[in-house]
Amino acid sequence: MEVKKVKWFKVADSRDAIEWQSNRMALVEAGGKTITLANHNNEVFAFAHKCPHASGVLADGFIDATGSIACPLHRFRFNIQNGRNVSGEGYYLKVYPIEEREAGIFVGFDENSWLNIFK
């Protein structure tokens, strides 16, 4: 089984340094890519910045009562932890590993996928 190598990018010095919107989400840059961060139940999550259905900007959506991310365009909902579509449409939201370290908040990309972005 192939072990995935992760390339880590610092996105903020701390959670307090992130410019959170009132919906507890923010857009940040990581490795030349725009991603969305969400602050839910005192935990930070990272995922694609656009909905896989119609490219709605997810940071303009909301986190529902179950902790799912809802797209602002059509209200498609995605599990904040694994990206699975929970409203039944069959789409998948790309999620990224995130680590809060003493040096700051870091988001990881699969090294092979990250290299393919620039080809």
PDB file of N, CA and C in Angstrom:
ATOM      1  N   MET A   1       0.840  -1.175   0.000  1.00  0.00           N
ATOM      2  CA  MET A   1       0.000   0.000   0.000  1.00  0.00           C
ATOM      3  C   MET A   1       0.893   1.250   0.000  1.00  0.00           C
ATOM      4  N   GLU A   2       0.586   2.177  -0.874  1.00  0.00           N
ATOM      5  CA  GLU A   2       1.362   3.402  -0.993  1.00  0.00           C
ATOM      6  C   GLU A   2       1.039   4.374   0.139  1.00  0.00           C
ATOM      7  N   VAL A   3       2.082   4.885   0.758  1.00  0.00           N
ATOM      8  CA  VAL A   3       1.913   5.870   1.815  1.00  0.00           C
ATOM      9  C   VAL A   3       1.901   7.254   1.166  1.00  0.00           C
ATOM     10  N   LYS A   4       0.869   8.032   1.469  1.00  0.00           N
ATOM     11  CA  LYS A   4       0.779   9.369   0.899  1.00  0.00           C
ATOM     12  C   LYS A   4       1.691  10.319   1.662  1.00  0.00           C
ATOM     13  N   LYS A   5       2.431  11.103   0.896  1.00  0.00           N
ATOM     14  CA  LYS A   5       3.250  12.144   1.496  1.00  0.00           C
ATOM     15  C   LYS A   5       2.429  13.423   1.486  1.00  0.00           C
ATOM     16  N   VAL A   6       2.473  14.134   2.600  1.00  0.00           N
ATOM     17  CA  VAL A   6       1.700  15.367   2.722  1.00  0.00           C
ATOM     18  C   VAL A   6       2.652  16.555   2.736  1.00  0.00           C
ATOM     19  N   LYS A   7       2.338  17.559   1.949  1.00  0.00           N
ATOM     20  CA  LYS A   7       3.086  18.814   1.943  1.00  0.00           C
ATOM     21  C   LYS A   7       2.261  19.817   2.741  1.00  0.00           C
ATOM     22  N   TRP A   8       2.863  20.388   3.783  1.00  0.00           N
ATOM     23  CA  TRP A   8       2.155  21.269   4.706  1.00  0.00           C
ATOM     24  C   TRP A   8       2.434  22.736   4.389  1.00  0.00           C
ATOM     25  N   PHE A   9       1.397  23.557   4.479  1.00  0.00           N
ATOM     26  CA  PHE A   9       1.501  24.995   4.242  1.00  0.00           C
ATOM     27  C   PHE A   9       0.890  25.750   5.421  1.00  0.00           C
ATOM     28  N   LYS A  10       1.625  26.713   5.899  1.00  0.00           N
ATOM     29  CA  LYS A  10       1.129  27.543   6.999  1.00  0.00           C
ATOM     30  C   LYS A  10       0.122  28.540   6.446  1.00  0.00           C
ATOM     31  N   VAL A  11      -1.063  28.609   7.089  1.00  0.00           N
ATOM     32  CA  VAL A  11      -2.098  29.546   6.637  1.00  0.00           C
ATOM     33  C   VAL A  11      -2.344  30.669   7.632  1.00  0.00           C
ATOM     34  N   ALA A  12      -1.875  30.521   8.863  1.00  0.00           N
ATOM     35  CA  ALA A  12      -2.060  31.570   9.877  1.00  0.00           C
ATOM     36  C   ALA A  12      -1.138  31.307  11.057  1.00  0.00           C
ATOM     37  N   ASP A  13      -0.812  32.373  11.781  1.00  0.00           N
ATOM     38  CA  ASP A  13       0.000  32.234  12.985  1.00  0.00           C
ATOM     39  C   ASP A  13      -0.777  31.582  14.121  1.00  0.00           C
ATOM     40  N   SER A  14      -2.103  31.798  14.124  1.00  0.00           N
ATOM     41  CA  SER A  14      -2.961  31.221  15.155  1.00  0.00           C
ATOM     42  C   SER A  14      -4.405  31.284  14.669  1.00  0.00           C
ATOM     43  N   ARG A  15      -5.292  30.652  15.403  1.00  0.00           N
ATOM     44  CA  ARG A  15      -6.719  30.697  15.081  1.00  0.00           C
ATOM     45  C   ARG A  15      -7.238  32.136  15.161  1.00  0.00           C
ATOM     46  N   ASP A  16      -6.730  32.891  16.136  1.00  0.00           N
ATOM     47  CA  ASP A  16      -7.164  34.282  16.312  1.00  0.00           C
ATOM     48  C   ASP A  16      -6.691  35.192  15.183  1.00  0.00           C
ATOM     49  N   ALA A  17      -5.664  34.791  14.451  1.00  0.00           N
ATOM     50  CA  ALA A  17      -5.143  35.603  13.356  1.00  0.00           C
ATOM     51  C   ALA A  17      -5.960  35.464  12.066  1.00  0.00           C
ATOM     52  N   ILE A  18      -6.881  34.521  12.039  1.00  0.00           N
ATOM     53  CA  ILE A  18      -7.724  34.298  10.849  1.00  0.00           C
ATOM     54  C   ILE A  18      -8.892  35.274  10.873  1.00  0.00           C
ATOM     55  N   GLU A  19      -9.187  35.855   9.724  1.00  0.00           N
ATOM     56  CA  GLU A  19     -10.309  36.797   9.613  1.00  0.00           C
ATOM     57  C   GLU A  19     -11.600  36.013   9.384  1.00  0.00           C
ATOM     58  N   TRP A  20     -12.173  35.526  10.485  1.00  0.00           N
ATOM     59  CA  TRP A  20     -13.404  34.732  10.411  1.00  0.00           C
ATOM     60  C   TRP A  20     -14.581  35.630  10.051  1.00  0.00           C
ATOM     61  N   GLN A  21     -15.431  35.146   9.163  1.00  0.00           N
ATOM     62  CA  GLN A  21     -16.686  35.830   8.857  1.00  0.00           C
ATOM     63  C   GLN A  21     -17.689  35.496   9.960  1.00  0.00           C
ATOM     64  N   SER A  22     -18.824  36.138   9.949  1.00  0.00           N
ATOM     65  CA  SER A  22     -19.840  35.887  10.982  1.00  0.00           C
ATOM     66  C   SER A  22     -20.354  34.445  10.952  1.00  0.00           C
ATOM     67  N   ASN A  23     -20.216  33.753   9.818  1.00  0.00           N
ATOM     68  CA  ASN A  23     -20.643  32.355   9.707  1.00  0.00           C
ATOM     69  C   ASN A  23     -19.556  31.369  10.147  1.00  0.00           C
ATOM     70  N   ARG A  24     -18.464  31.882  10.754  1.00  0.00           N
ATOM     71  CA  ARG A  24     -17.352  31.085  11.262  1.00  0.00           C
ATOM     72  C   ARG A  24     -16.548  30.404  10.160  1.00  0.00           C
ATOM     73  N   MET A  25     -16.523  31.026   8.962  1.00  0.00           N
ATOM     74  CA  MET A  25     -15.720  30.507   7.861  1.00  0.00           C
ATOM     75  C   MET A  25     -14.814  31.616   7.341  1.00  0.00           C
ATOM     76  N   ALA A  26     -13.759  31.198   6.639  1.00  0.00           N
ATOM     77  CA  ALA A  26     -12.795  32.148   6.079  1.00  0.00           C
ATOM     78  C   ALA A  26     -12.143  31.548   4.844  1.00  0.00           C
ATOM     79  N   LEU A  27     -11.774  32.417   3.903  1.00  0.00           N
ATOM     80  CA  LEU A  27     -10.983  31.998   2.747  1.00  0.00           C
ATOM     81  C   LEU A  27      -9.526  32.305   3.044  1.00  0.00           C
ATOM     82  N   VAL A  28      -8.647  31.340   2.738  1.00  0.00           N
ATOM     83  CA  VAL A  28      -7.212  31.526   2.933  1.00  0.00           C
ATOM     84  C   VAL A  28      -6.465  30.944   1.733  1.00  0.00           C
ATOM     85  N   GLU A  29      -5.203  31.317   1.604  1.00  0.00           N
ATOM     86  CA  GLU A  29      -4.326  30.768   0.575  1.00  0.00           C
ATOM     87  C   GLU A  29      -3.421  29.720   1.207  1.00  0.00           C
ATOM     88  N   ALA A  30      -3.258  28.607   0.523  1.00  0.00           N
ATOM     89  CA  ALA A  30      -2.345  27.553   0.977  1.00  0.00           C
ATOM     90  C   ALA A  30      -1.670  26.959  -0.250  1.00  0.00           C
ATOM     91  N   GLY A  31      -0.386  27.138  -0.370  1.00  0.00           N
ATOM     92  CA  GLY A  31       0.343  26.571  -1.505  1.00  0.00           C
ATOM     93  C   GLY A  31      -0.139  27.070  -2.845  1.00  0.00           C
ATOM     94  N   GLY A  32      -0.574  28.331  -2.912  1.00  0.00           N
ATOM     95  CA  GLY A  32      -1.059  28.899  -4.163  1.00  0.00           C
ATOM     96  C   GLY A  32      -2.495  28.533  -4.494  1.00  0.00           C
ATOM     97  N   LYS A  33      -3.180  27.930  -3.556  1.00  0.00           N
ATOM     98  CA  LYS A  33      -4.561  27.478  -3.774  1.00  0.00           C
ATOM     99  C   LYS A  33      -5.475  28.122  -2.736  1.00  0.00           C
ATOM    100  N   THR A  34      -6.631  28.599  -3.157  1.00  0.00           N
ATOM    101  CA  THR A  34      -7.609  29.162  -2.230  1.00  0.00           C
ATOM    102  C   THR A  34      -8.416  28.019  -1.626  1.00  0.00           C
ATOM    103  N   ILE A  35      -8.528  28.025  -0.307  1.00  0.00           N
ATOM    104  CA  ILE A  35      -9.331  27.021   0.390  1.00  0.00           C
ATOM    105  C   ILE A  35     -10.204  27.718   1.425  1.00  0.00           C
ATOM    106  N   THR A  36     -11.176  26.982   1.934  1.00  0.00           N
ATOM    107  CA  THR A  36     -12.053  27.484   2.984  1.00  0.00           C
ATOM    108  C   THR A  36     -11.668  26.835   4.305  1.00  0.00           C
ATOM    109  N   LEU A  37     -11.651  27.646   5.356  1.00  0.00           N
ATOM    110  CA  LEU A  37     -11.511  27.131   6.716  1.00  0.00           C
ATOM    111  C   LEU A  37     -12.842  27.337   7.422  1.00  0.00           C
ATOM    112  N   ALA A  38     -13.185  26.411   8.298  1.00  0.00           N
ATOM    113  CA  ALA A  38     -14.387  26.544   9.117  1.00  0.00           C
ATOM    114  C   ALA A  38     -14.009  26.294  10.568  1.00  0.00           C
ATOM    115  N   ASN A  39     -14.583  27.086  11.447  1.00  0.00           N
ATOM    116  CA  ASN A  39     -14.361  26.950  12.883  1.00  0.00           C
ATOM    117  C   ASN A  39     -15.669  26.433  13.475  1.00  0.00           C
ATOM    118  N   HIS A  40     -15.684  25.154  13.823  1.00  0.00           N
ATOM    119  CA  HIS A  40     -16.914  24.528  14.310  1.00  0.00           C
ATOM    120  C   HIS A  40     -16.607  23.699  15.550  1.00  0.00           C
ATOM    121  N   ASN A  41     -17.359  23.922  16.616  1.00  0.00           N
ATOM    122  CA  ASN A  41     -17.180  23.197  17.883  1.00  0.00           C
ATOM    123  C   ASN A  41     -15.726  23.252  18.359  1.00  0.00           C
ATOM    124  N   ASN A  42     -15.145  24.438  18.250  1.00  0.00           N
ATOM    125  CA  ASN A  42     -13.777  24.695  18.711  1.00  0.00           C
ATOM    126  C   ASN A  42     -12.738  23.852  17.982  1.00  0.00           C
ATOM    127  N   GLU A  43     -13.024  23.514  16.727  1.00  0.00           N
ATOM    128  CA  GLU A  43     -12.102  22.757  15.881  1.00  0.00           C
ATOM    129  C   GLU A  43     -12.079  23.434  14.512  1.00  0.00           C
ATOM    130  N   VAL A  44     -10.913  23.435  13.872  1.00  0.00           N
ATOM    131  CA  VAL A  44     -10.780  24.056  12.557  1.00  0.00           C
ATOM    132  C   VAL A  44     -10.754  22.965  11.494  1.00  0.00           C
ATOM    133  N   PHE A  45     -11.480  23.181  10.394  1.00  0.00           N
ATOM    134  CA  PHE A  45     -11.560  22.253   9.274  1.00  0.00           C
ATOM    135  C   PHE A  45     -11.155  22.985   8.006  1.00  0.00           C
ATOM    136  N   ALA A  46     -10.634  22.248   7.030  1.00  0.00           N
ATOM    137  CA  ALA A  46     -10.213  22.838   5.756  1.00  0.00           C
ATOM    138  C   ALA A  46     -10.831  22.055   4.603  1.00  0.00           C
ATOM    139  N   PHE A  47     -11.326  22.784   3.594  1.00  0.00           N
ATOM    140  CA  PHE A  47     -11.938  22.136   2.436  1.00  0.00           C
ATOM    141  C   PHE A  47     -11.904  23.080   1.237  1.00  0.00           C
ATOM    142  N   ALA A  48     -12.304  22.565   0.087  1.00  0.00           N
ATOM    143  CA  ALA A  48     -12.307  23.345  -1.160  1.00  0.00           C
ATOM    144  C   ALA A  48     -13.086  24.636  -0.976  1.00  0.00           C
ATOM    145  N   HIS A  49     -12.737  25.648  -1.754  1.00  0.00           N
ATOM    146  CA  HIS A  49     -13.437  26.919  -1.582  1.00  0.00           C
ATOM    147  C   HIS A  49     -14.686  27.020  -2.448  1.00  0.00           C
ATOM    148  N   LYS A  50     -14.863  26.091  -3.402  1.00  0.00           N
ATOM    149  CA  LYS A  50     -16.056  26.121  -4.250  1.00  0.00           C
ATOM    150  C   LYS A  50     -16.803  24.798  -4.171  1.00  0.00           C
ATOM    151  N   CYS A  51     -18.109  24.892  -4.243  1.00  0.00           N
ATOM    152  CA  CYS A  51     -18.970  23.709  -4.244  1.00  0.00           C
ATOM    153  C   CYS A  51     -18.716  22.910  -5.530  1.00  0.00           C
ATOM    154  N   PRO A  52     -18.641  21.582  -5.435  1.00  0.00           N
ATOM    155  CA  PRO A  52     -18.403  20.767  -6.633  1.00  0.00           C
ATOM    156  C   PRO A  52     -19.602  20.740  -7.589  1.00  0.00           C
ATOM    157  N   HIS A  53     -20.757  21.213  -7.158  1.00  0.00           N
ATOM    158  CA  HIS A  53     -21.948  21.211  -8.008  1.00  0.00           C
ATOM    159  C   HIS A  53     -21.977  22.386  -8.968  1.00  0.00           C
ATOM    160  N   ALA A  54     -22.005  23.603  -8.439  1.00  0.00           N
ATOM    161  CA  ALA A  54     -22.152  24.785  -9.307  1.00  0.00           C
ATOM    162  C   ALA A  54     -21.173  25.897  -8.938  1.00  0.00           C
ATOM    163  N   SER A  55     -20.095  25.539  -8.260  1.00  0.00           N
ATOM    164  CA  SER A  55     -19.010  26.463  -7.917  1.00  0.00           C
ATOM    165  C   SER A  55     -19.411  27.606  -7.000  1.00  0.00           C
ATOM    166  N   GLY A  56     -20.417  27.402  -6.171  1.00  0.00           N
ATOM    167  CA  GLY A  56     -20.745  28.406  -5.166  1.00  0.00           C
ATOM    168  C   GLY A  56     -19.593  28.537  -4.173  1.00  0.00           C
ATOM    169  N   VAL A  57     -19.313  29.756  -3.740  1.00  0.00           N
ATOM    170  CA  VAL A  57     -18.232  29.983  -2.786  1.00  0.00           C
ATOM    171  C   VAL A  57     -18.714  29.527  -1.411  1.00  0.00           C
ATOM    172  N   LEU A  58     -18.121  28.456  -0.909  1.00  0.00           N
ATOM    173  CA  LEU A  58     -18.610  27.836   0.318  1.00  0.00           C
ATOM    174  C   LEU A  58     -18.469  28.736   1.541  1.00  0.00           C
ATOM    175  N   ALA A  59     -17.510  29.631   1.542  1.00  0.00           N
ATOM    176  CA  ALA A  59     -17.357  30.555   2.670  1.00  0.00           C
ATOM    177  C   ALA A  59     -18.544  31.512   2.769  1.00  0.00           C
ATOM    178  N   ASP A  60     -19.347  31.600   1.713  1.00  0.00           N
ATOM    179  CA  ASP A  60     -20.564  32.417   1.737  1.00  0.00           C
ATOM    180  C   ASP A  60     -21.780  31.619   2.174  1.00  0.00           C
ATOM    181  N   GLY A  61     -21.591  30.330   2.444  1.00  0.00           N
ATOM    182  CA  GLY A  61     -22.678  29.467   2.900  1.00  0.00           C
ATOM    183  C   GLY A  61     -22.787  29.501   4.407  1.00  0.00           C
ATOM    184  N   PHE A  62     -23.111  28.352   4.987  1.00  0.00           N
ATOM    185  CA  PHE A  62     -23.244  28.296   6.437  1.00  0.00           C
ATOM    186  C   PHE A  62     -22.982  26.890   6.935  1.00  0.00           C
ATOM    187  N   ILE A  63     -22.754  26.786   8.240  1.00  0.00           N
ATOM    188  CA  ILE A  63     -22.612  25.503   8.913  1.00  0.00           C
ATOM    189  C   ILE A  63     -23.952  25.221   9.581  1.00  0.00           C
ATOM    190  N   ASP A  64     -24.591  24.107   9.218  1.00  0.00           N
ATOM    191  CA  ASP A  64     -25.915  23.830   9.779  1.00  0.00           C
ATOM    192  C   ASP A  64     -25.813  23.218  11.176  1.00  0.00           C
ATOM    193  N   ALA A  65     -26.960  22.913  11.761  1.00  0.00           N
ATOM    194  CA  ALA A  65     -27.021  22.411  13.142  1.00  0.00           C
ATOM    195  C   ALA A  65     -26.317  21.067  13.315  1.00  0.00           C
ATOM    196  N   THR A  66     -26.191  20.286  12.238  1.00  0.00           N
ATOM    197  CA  THR A  66     -25.516  18.991  12.325  1.00  0.00           C
ATOM    198  C   THR A  66     -24.018  19.099  12.054  1.00  0.00           C
ATOM    199  N   GLY A  67     -23.545  20.316  11.747  1.00  0.00           N
ATOM    200  CA  GLY A  67     -22.133  20.518  11.458  1.00  0.00           C
ATOM    201  C   GLY A  67     -21.777  20.311  10.002  1.00  0.00           C
ATOM    202  N   SER A  68     -22.765  20.277   9.124  1.00  0.00           N
ATOM    203  CA  SER A  68     -22.508  20.154   7.690  1.00  0.00           C
ATOM    204  C   SER A  68     -22.346  21.534   7.069  1.00  0.00           C
ATOM    205  N   ILE A  69     -21.542  21.599   6.015  1.00  0.00           N
ATOM    206  CA  ILE A  69     -21.358  22.829   5.253  1.00  0.00           C
ATOM    207  C   ILE A  69     -22.455  22.894   4.207  1.00  0.00           C
ATOM    208  N   ALA A  70     -23.155  24.028   4.133  1.00  0.00           N
ATOM    209  CA  ALA A  70     -24.220  24.208   3.145  1.00  0.00           C
ATOM    210  C   ALA A  70     -23.782  25.246   2.111  1.00  0.00           C
ATOM    211  N   CYS A  71     -23.878  24.885   0.851  1.00  0.00           N
ATOM    212  CA  CYS A  71     -23.530  25.790  -0.243  1.00  0.00           C
ATOM    213  C   CYS A  71     -24.566  26.915  -0.314  1.00  0.00           C
ATOM    214  N   PRO A  72     -24.117  28.150  -0.562  1.00  0.00           N
ATOM    215  CA  PRO A  72     -25.064  29.260  -0.613  1.00  0.00           C
ATOM    216  C   PRO A  72     -25.970  29.257  -1.854  1.00  0.00           C
ATOM    217  N   LEU A  73     -25.597  28.537  -2.911  1.00  0.00           N
ATOM    218  CA  LEU A  73     -26.395  28.572  -4.140  1.00  0.00           C
ATOM    219  C   LEU A  73     -27.614  27.659  -4.096  1.00  0.00           C
ATOM    220  N   HIS A  74     -27.406  26.378  -3.830  1.00  0.00           N
ATOM    221  CA  HIS A  74     -28.500  25.401  -3.890  1.00  0.00           C
ATOM    222  C   HIS A  74     -28.693  24.619  -2.597  1.00  0.00           C
ATOM    223  N   ARG A  75     -27.948  25.002  -1.543  1.00  0.00           N
ATOM    224  CA  ARG A  75     -28.045  24.384  -0.221  1.00  0.00           C
ATOM    225  C   ARG A  75     -27.606  22.924  -0.185  1.00  0.00           C
ATOM    226  N   PHE A  76     -26.802  22.490  -1.181  1.00  0.00           N
ATOM    227  CA  PHE A  76     -26.224  21.155  -1.090  1.00  0.00           C
ATOM    228  C   PHE A  76     -25.375  21.140   0.163  1.00  0.00           C
ATOM    229  N   ARG A  77     -25.376  20.032   0.885  1.00  0.00           N
ATOM    230  CA  ARG A  77     -24.685  19.951   2.172  1.00  0.00           C
ATOM    231  C   ARG A  77     -23.618  18.859   2.150  1.00  0.00           C
ATOM    232  N   PHE A  78     -22.521  19.164   2.850  1.00  0.00           N
ATOM    233  CA  PHE A  78     -21.374  18.263   2.876  1.00  0.00           C
ATOM    234  C   PHE A  78     -20.882  18.077   4.305  1.00  0.00           C
ATOM    235  N   ASN A  79     -20.501  16.841   4.635  1.00  0.00           N
ATOM    236  CA  ASN A  79     -19.936  16.550   5.939  1.00  0.00           C
ATOM    237  C   ASN A  79     -18.630  17.313   6.081  1.00  0.00           C
ATOM    238  N   ILE A  80     -18.485  18.054   7.145  1.00  0.00           N
ATOM    239  CA  ILE A  80     -17.325  18.922   7.355  1.00  0.00           C
ATOM    240  C   ILE A  80     -16.033  18.120   7.561  1.00  0.00           C
ATOM    241  N   GLN A  81     -16.146  16.864   7.967  1.00  0.00           N
ATOM    242  CA  GLN A  81     -14.959  16.057   8.257  1.00  0.00           C
ATOM    243  C   GLN A  81     -14.475  15.238   7.070  1.00  0.00           C
ATOM    244  N   ASN A  82     -15.392  14.697   6.285  1.00  0.00           N
ATOM    245  CA  ASN A  82     -14.959  13.810   5.199  1.00  0.00           C
ATOM    246  C   ASN A  82     -15.405  14.249   3.806  1.00  0.00           C
ATOM    247  N   GLY A  83     -16.190  15.316   3.701  1.00  0.00           N
ATOM    248  CA  GLY A  83     -16.602  15.847   2.406  1.00  0.00           C
ATOM    249  C   GLY A  83     -17.754  15.124   1.729  1.00  0.00           C
ATOM    250  N   ARG A  84     -18.297  14.092   2.375  1.00  0.00           N
ATOM    251  CA  ARG A  84     -19.402  13.350   1.748  1.00  0.00           C
ATOM    252  C   ARG A  84     -20.647  14.221   1.662  1.00  0.00           C
ATOM    253  N   ASN A  85     -21.326  14.117   0.552  1.00  0.00           N
ATOM    254  CA  ASN A  85     -22.569  14.842   0.349  1.00  0.00           C
ATOM    255  C   ASN A  85     -23.646  14.206   1.221  1.00  0.00           C
ATOM    256  N   VAL A  86     -24.279  15.010   2.094  1.00  0.00           N
ATOM    257  CA  VAL A  86     -25.271  14.464   3.016  1.00  0.00           C
ATOM    258  C   VAL A  86     -26.697  14.842   2.642  1.00  0.00           C
ATOM    259  N   SER A  87     -26.854  15.606   1.550  1.00  0.00           N
ATOM    260  CA  SER A  87     -28.211  15.987   1.140  1.00  0.00           C
ATOM    261  C   SER A  87     -28.680  15.175  -0.065  1.00  0.00           C
ATOM    262  N   GLY A  88     -27.912  14.160  -0.485  1.00  0.00           N
ATOM    263  CA  GLY A  88     -28.391  13.176  -1.442  1.00  0.00           C
ATOM    264  C   GLY A  88     -28.072  13.401  -2.908  1.00  0.00           C
ATOM    265  N   GLU A  89     -27.306  14.432  -3.259  1.00  0.00           N
ATOM    266  CA  GLU A  89     -27.059  14.703  -4.673  1.00  0.00           C
ATOM    267  C   GLU A  89     -25.884  13.916  -5.255  1.00  0.00           C
ATOM    268  N   GLY A  90     -25.034  13.337  -4.399  1.00  0.00           N
ATOM    269  CA  GLY A  90     -23.950  12.481  -4.872  1.00  0.00           C
ATOM    270  C   GLY A  90     -22.632  13.176  -5.149  1.00  0.00           C
ATOM    271  N   TYR A  91     -22.499  14.421  -4.802  1.00  0.00           N
ATOM    272  CA  TYR A  91     -21.232  15.133  -5.009  1.00  0.00           C
ATOM    273  C   TYR A  91     -20.296  14.880  -3.834  1.00  0.00           C
ATOM    274  N   TYR A  92     -19.024  15.216  -4.034  1.00  0.00           N
ATOM    275  CA  TYR A  92     -18.031  15.028  -2.996  1.00  0.00           C
ATOM    276  C   TYR A  92     -17.208  16.304  -2.872  1.00  0.00           C
ATOM    277  N   LEU A  93     -17.061  16.811  -1.666  1.00  0.00           N
ATOM    278  CA  LEU A  93     -16.287  18.017  -1.392  1.00  0.00           C
ATOM    279  C   LEU A  93     -14.883  17.627  -0.962  1.00  0.00           C
ATOM    280  N   LYS A  94     -13.874  18.209  -1.613  1.00  0.00           N
ATOM    281  CA  LYS A  94     -12.491  17.927  -1.257  1.00  0.00           C
ATOM    282  C   LYS A  94     -12.184  18.520   0.106  1.00  0.00           C
ATOM    283  N   VAL A  95     -11.697  17.698   1.035  1.00  0.00           N
ATOM    284  CA  VAL A  95     -11.304  18.154   2.368  1.00  0.00           C
ATOM    285  C   VAL A  95      -9.796  17.959   2.514  1.00  0.00           C
ATOM    286  N   TYR A  96      -9.192  18.746   3.397  1.00  0.00           N
ATOM    287  CA  TYR A  96      -7.752  18.712   3.588  1.00  0.00           C
ATOM    288  C   TYR A  96      -7.427  18.525   5.066  1.00  0.00           C
ATOM    289  N   PRO A  97      -6.327  17.815   5.349  1.00  0.00           N
ATOM    290  CA  PRO A  97      -5.908  17.702   6.754  1.00  0.00           C
ATOM    291  C   PRO A  97      -5.436  19.063   7.257  1.00  0.00           C
ATOM    292  N   ILE A  98      -5.651  19.295   8.527  1.00  0.00           N
ATOM    293  CA  ILE A  98      -5.253  20.559   9.135  1.00  0.00           C
ATOM    294  C   ILE A  98      -4.642  20.264  10.492  1.00  0.00           C
ATOM    295  N   GLU A  99      -3.614  21.026  10.820  1.00  0.00           N
ATOM    296  CA  GLU A  99      -2.963  20.859  12.115  1.00  0.00           C
ATOM    297  C   GLU A  99      -2.756  22.213  12.760  1.00  0.00           C
ATOM    298  N   GLU A 100      -3.094  22.283  14.051  1.00  0.00           N
ATOM    299  CA  GLU A 100      -2.781  23.474  14.837  1.00  0.00           C
ATOM    300  C   GLU A 100      -1.519  23.136  15.621  1.00  0.00           C
ATOM    301  N   ARG A 101      -0.449  23.861  15.307  1.00  0.00           N
ATOM    302  CA  ARG A 101       0.839  23.639  15.946  1.00  0.00           C
ATOM    303  C   ARG A 101       1.239  24.898  16.711  1.00  0.00           C
ATOM    304  N   GLU A 102       2.292  24.778  17.487  1.00  0.00           N
ATOM    305  CA  GLU A 102       2.799  25.945  18.202  1.00  0.00           C
ATOM    306  C   GLU A 102       3.197  27.049  17.221  1.00  0.00           C
ATOM    307  N   ALA A 103       3.697  26.664  16.038  1.00  0.00           N
ATOM    308  CA  ALA A 103       4.138  27.629  15.026  1.00  0.00           C
ATOM    309  C   ALA A 103       2.988  28.219  14.211  1.00  0.00           C
ATOM    310  N   GLY A 104       1.776  27.684  14.345  1.00  0.00           N
ATOM    311  CA  GLY A 104       0.637  28.208  13.604  1.00  0.00           C
ATOM    312  C   GLY A 104      -0.302  27.122  13.118  1.00  0.00           C
ATOM    313  N   ILE A 105      -1.157  27.493  12.175  1.00  0.00           N
ATOM    314  CA  ILE A 105      -2.134  26.565  11.596  1.00  0.00           C
ATOM    315  C   ILE A 105      -1.645  26.176  10.204  1.00  0.00           C
ATOM    316  N   PHE A 106      -1.612  24.865   9.960  1.00  0.00           N
ATOM    317  CA  PHE A 106      -1.085  24.330   8.710  1.00  0.00           C
ATOM    318  C   PHE A 106      -2.138  23.461   8.024  1.00  0.00           C
ATOM    319  N   VAL A 107      -2.186  23.566   6.677  1.00  0.00           N
ATOM    320  CA  VAL A 107      -3.072  22.739   5.864  1.00  0.00           C
ATOM    321  C   VAL A 107      -2.192  21.857   4.991  1.00  0.00           C
ATOM    322  N   GLY A 108      -2.591  20.583   4.852  1.00  0.00           N
ATOM    323  CA  GLY A 108      -1.797  19.633   4.076  1.00  0.00           C
ATOM    324  C   GLY A 108      -2.456  19.249   2.772  1.00  0.00           C
ATOM    325  N   PHE A 109      -1.613  19.085   1.768  1.00  0.00           N
ATOM    326  CA  PHE A 109      -2.048  18.575   0.459  1.00  0.00           C
ATOM    327  C   PHE A 109      -1.260  17.319   0.163  1.00  0.00           C
ATOM    328  N   ASP A 110      -1.910  16.347  -0.462  1.00  0.00           N
ATOM    329  CA  ASP A 110      -1.207  15.174  -0.948  1.00  0.00           C
ATOM    330  C   ASP A 110      -0.108  15.690  -1.881  1.00  0.00           C
ATOM    331  N   GLU A 111       1.127  15.300  -1.627  1.00  0.00           N
ATOM    332  CA  GLU A 111       2.252  15.847  -2.384  1.00  0.00           C
ATOM    333  C   GLU A 111       2.103  15.623  -3.885  1.00  0.00           C
ATOM    334  N   ASN A 112       1.634  14.452  -4.303  1.00  0.00           N
ATOM    335  CA  ASN A 112       1.466  14.176  -5.735  1.00  0.00           C
ATOM    336  C   ASN A 112       0.376  15.049  -6.333  1.00  0.00           C
ATOM    337  N   SER A 113      -0.736  15.228  -5.630  1.00  0.00           N
ATOM    338  CA  SER A 113      -1.820  16.075  -6.125  1.00  0.00           C
ATOM    339  C   SER A 113      -1.379  17.523  -6.196  1.00  0.00           C
ATOM    340  N   TRP A 114      -0.634  17.961  -5.183  1.00  0.00           N
ATOM    341  CA  TRP A 114      -0.175  19.342  -5.146  1.00  0.00           C
ATOM    342  C   TRP A 114       0.760  19.618  -6.310  1.00  0.00           C
ATOM    343  N   LEU A 115       1.662  18.693  -6.622  1.00  0.00           N
ATOM    344  CA  LEU A 115       2.584  18.889  -7.748  1.00  0.00           C
ATOM    345  C   LEU A 115       1.835  18.957  -9.063  1.00  0.00           C
ATOM    346  N   ASN A 116       0.723  18.206  -9.197  1.00  0.00           N
ATOM    347  CA  ASN A 116      -0.056  18.211 -10.436  1.00  0.00           C
ATOM    348  C   ASN A 116      -0.775  19.531 -10.675  1.00  0.00           C
ATOM    349  N   ILE A 117      -0.983  20.314  -9.637  1.00  0.00           N
ATOM    350  CA  ILE A 117      -1.643  21.615  -9.784  1.00  0.00           C
ATOM    351  C   ILE A 117      -0.815  22.507 -10.703  1.00  0.00           C
ATOM    352  N   PHE A 118       0.492  22.371 -10.644  1.00  0.00           N
ATOM    353  CA  PHE A 118       1.382  23.284 -11.350  1.00  0.00           C
ATOM    354  C   PHE A 118       1.895  22.741 -12.675  1.00  0.00           C
ATOM    355  N   LYS A 119       1.380  21.624 -13.132  1.00  0.00           N
ATOM    356  CA  LYS A 119       1.801  21.064 -14.427  1.00  0.00           C
ATOM    357  C   LYS A 119       1.017  21.675 -15.560  1.00  0.00           C
TER     358      LYS A 119
END
